[in-house]
Protein backbone atom coordinates (compact mmCIF):
# COMPACT_ATOMS: atom_id res chain seq x y z
CA VAL A 1 -3.81 15.75 -4.21
CA GLN A 2 -1.53 13.19 -5.77
CA PHE A 3 -0.51 9.62 -5.14
CA VAL A 4 2.66 8.23 -6.67
CA GLU A 5 3.29 4.55 -6.03
CA SER A 6 6.48 2.69 -6.90
CA GLY A 7 8.53 -0.36 -6.07
CA GLY A 8 6.51 -3.10 -7.67
CA GLY A 9 8.00 -5.75 -9.87
CA SER A 10 8.14 -9.40 -10.76
CA VAL A 11 9.33 -11.61 -7.92
CA GLN A 12 9.47 -15.32 -7.26
CA ALA A 13 7.23 -16.77 -4.61
CA GLY A 14 8.92 -16.46 -1.24
CA GLY A 15 10.67 -13.26 -2.21
CA SER A 16 10.16 -9.76 -0.90
CA LEU A 17 9.46 -6.25 -2.12
CA ARG A 18 9.28 -2.78 -0.68
CA LEU A 19 6.58 -0.53 -2.07
CA SER A 20 6.66 3.23 -1.70
CA CYS A 21 4.04 5.91 -2.03
CA ALA A 22 4.21 9.68 -1.92
CA ALA A 23 0.82 11.11 -1.01
CA SER A 24 0.81 14.85 -1.60
CA GLY A 25 -1.69 16.89 0.36
CA THR A 26 -1.59 18.33 3.85
CA ILE A 27 -4.77 16.51 4.80
CA PHE A 28 -2.97 13.20 4.52
CA THR A 29 -0.52 14.09 7.28
CA ILE A 30 -3.37 13.80 9.80
CA ALA A 31 -5.30 11.03 8.08
CA ALA A 32 -5.08 7.30 8.39
CA MET A 33 -3.36 5.92 5.31
CA GLY A 34 -3.68 2.54 3.71
CA TRP A 35 -2.32 0.20 1.09
CA TYR A 36 -4.92 -1.36 -1.12
CA ARG A 37 -4.60 -3.98 -3.83
CA GLN A 38 -6.67 -5.06 -6.77
CA ALA A 39 -6.18 -8.33 -8.58
CA PRO A 40 -7.63 -8.88 -12.07
CA GLY A 41 -11.39 -9.39 -11.92
CA LYS A 42 -11.56 -8.58 -8.22
CA GLU A 43 -12.45 -5.56 -6.15
CA ARG A 44 -9.87 -3.30 -4.59
CA ASP A 45 -9.27 -4.33 -0.99
CA LEU A 46 -7.50 -2.71 1.92
CA VAL A 47 -4.54 -4.79 3.09
CA ALA A 48 -2.79 -2.54 5.60
CA ARG A 49 -3.58 0.65 7.47
CA VAL A 50 -1.64 3.03 9.68
CA ASP A 51 -3.25 5.99 11.36
CA ALA A 52 -1.66 9.33 12.22
CA ASN A 53 -0.75 8.03 15.69
CA GLY A 54 0.97 4.96 14.31
CA ARG A 55 -1.70 2.40 15.07
CA ILE A 56 -1.57 -0.38 12.50
CA ASN A 57 -4.03 -2.92 11.19
CA TYR A 58 -3.57 -5.68 8.61
CA ALA A 59 -5.92 -7.86 6.68
CA ASP A 60 -5.83 -11.42 7.98
CA SER A 61 -4.46 -12.66 4.66
CA VAL A 62 -1.29 -10.59 4.96
CA LYS A 63 -0.72 -10.48 8.70
CA ASP A 64 2.83 -11.50 9.69
CA ARG A 65 4.08 -10.99 6.13
CA PHE A 66 3.36 -7.31 5.41
CA THR A 67 4.76 -4.33 7.28
CA ILE A 68 3.39 -0.83 6.82
CA TRP A 69 4.90 2.41 8.03
CA ARG A 70 4.70 6.08 7.29
CA GLU A 71 6.87 9.16 7.41
CA ASN A 72 5.18 12.56 7.49
CA ALA A 73 6.73 15.54 5.79
CA LYS A 74 5.27 19.06 5.68
CA ASP A 75 2.55 18.39 3.14
CA THR A 76 3.38 14.87 2.01
CA VAL A 77 3.07 11.45 3.54
CA HIS A 78 5.60 8.85 2.50
CA LEU A 79 3.94 5.50 2.94
CA TYR A 80 5.76 2.19 2.69
CA LEU A 81 4.83 -1.45 2.53
CA TYR A 82 7.35 -4.24 2.99
CA ILE A 83 6.05 -7.50 1.62
CA ASN A 84 7.77 -10.65 2.78
CA SER A 85 7.24 -14.28 1.80
CA LEU A 86 5.34 -13.35 -1.34
CA LYS A 87 2.62 -15.72 -2.46
CA PRO A 88 1.01 -16.01 -5.90
CA GLU A 89 -2.21 -14.63 -4.41
CA ASP A 90 -0.37 -11.40 -3.55
CA ALA A 91 -0.13 -10.54 -7.26
CA ALA A 92 -2.11 -7.37 -7.87
CA ILE A 93 -1.84 -3.67 -8.50
CA TYR A 94 -1.08 -1.96 -5.21
CA TYR A 95 -2.39 1.51 -4.44
CA CYS A 96 -2.07 3.91 -1.56
CA ASN A 97 -4.76 6.24 -0.35
CA SER A 98 -6.22 7.58 2.83
CA GLU A 99 -8.39 5.18 4.78
CA PRO A 100 -11.17 5.73 4.08
CA PRO A 101 -10.43 7.48 0.80
CA LEU A 102 -11.15 11.20 1.19
CA TYR A 103 -11.31 11.86 -2.53
CA ASN A 104 -12.55 9.87 -5.46
CA TYR A 105 -9.06 9.76 -6.88
CA TRP A 106 -6.44 7.05 -7.14
CA GLY A 107 -2.90 6.99 -8.42
CA GLN A 108 -1.66 4.66 -11.11
CA GLY A 109 -0.62 2.02 -8.63
CA THR A 110 2.36 -0.29 -8.80
CA GLN A 111 2.16 -3.79 -10.23
CA VAL A 112 3.31 -6.78 -8.22
CA THR A 113 3.73 -10.04 -10.12
CA VAL A 114 4.58 -13.27 -8.35
CA SER A 115 5.94 -16.31 -10.16
CA SER A 116 5.80 -19.74 -8.61
């Protein structure tokens, strides 16, 4: 089991980013997958979810600005998150994992910084 997130960076408010995640493990190809984020001093929250059938849910705070999608390979799920119209409150470390997490393990995440 491994999660490798990438694509974060420092962006001005109103800008956009595309985050990527490679989730290694056959179990993830049939699991719902999610993007989570954790801002300093706050808990990690789920912001977007896509199940194995392509059904998608977003947190109210990101609806209409975030787009999640997935591509399944043999034993890896490639999970993506397009973030549009970035706001300062979107600044956080973004993680991918199954939803709910099947293992008590998280990758290193990818940092998103938003400047106003």
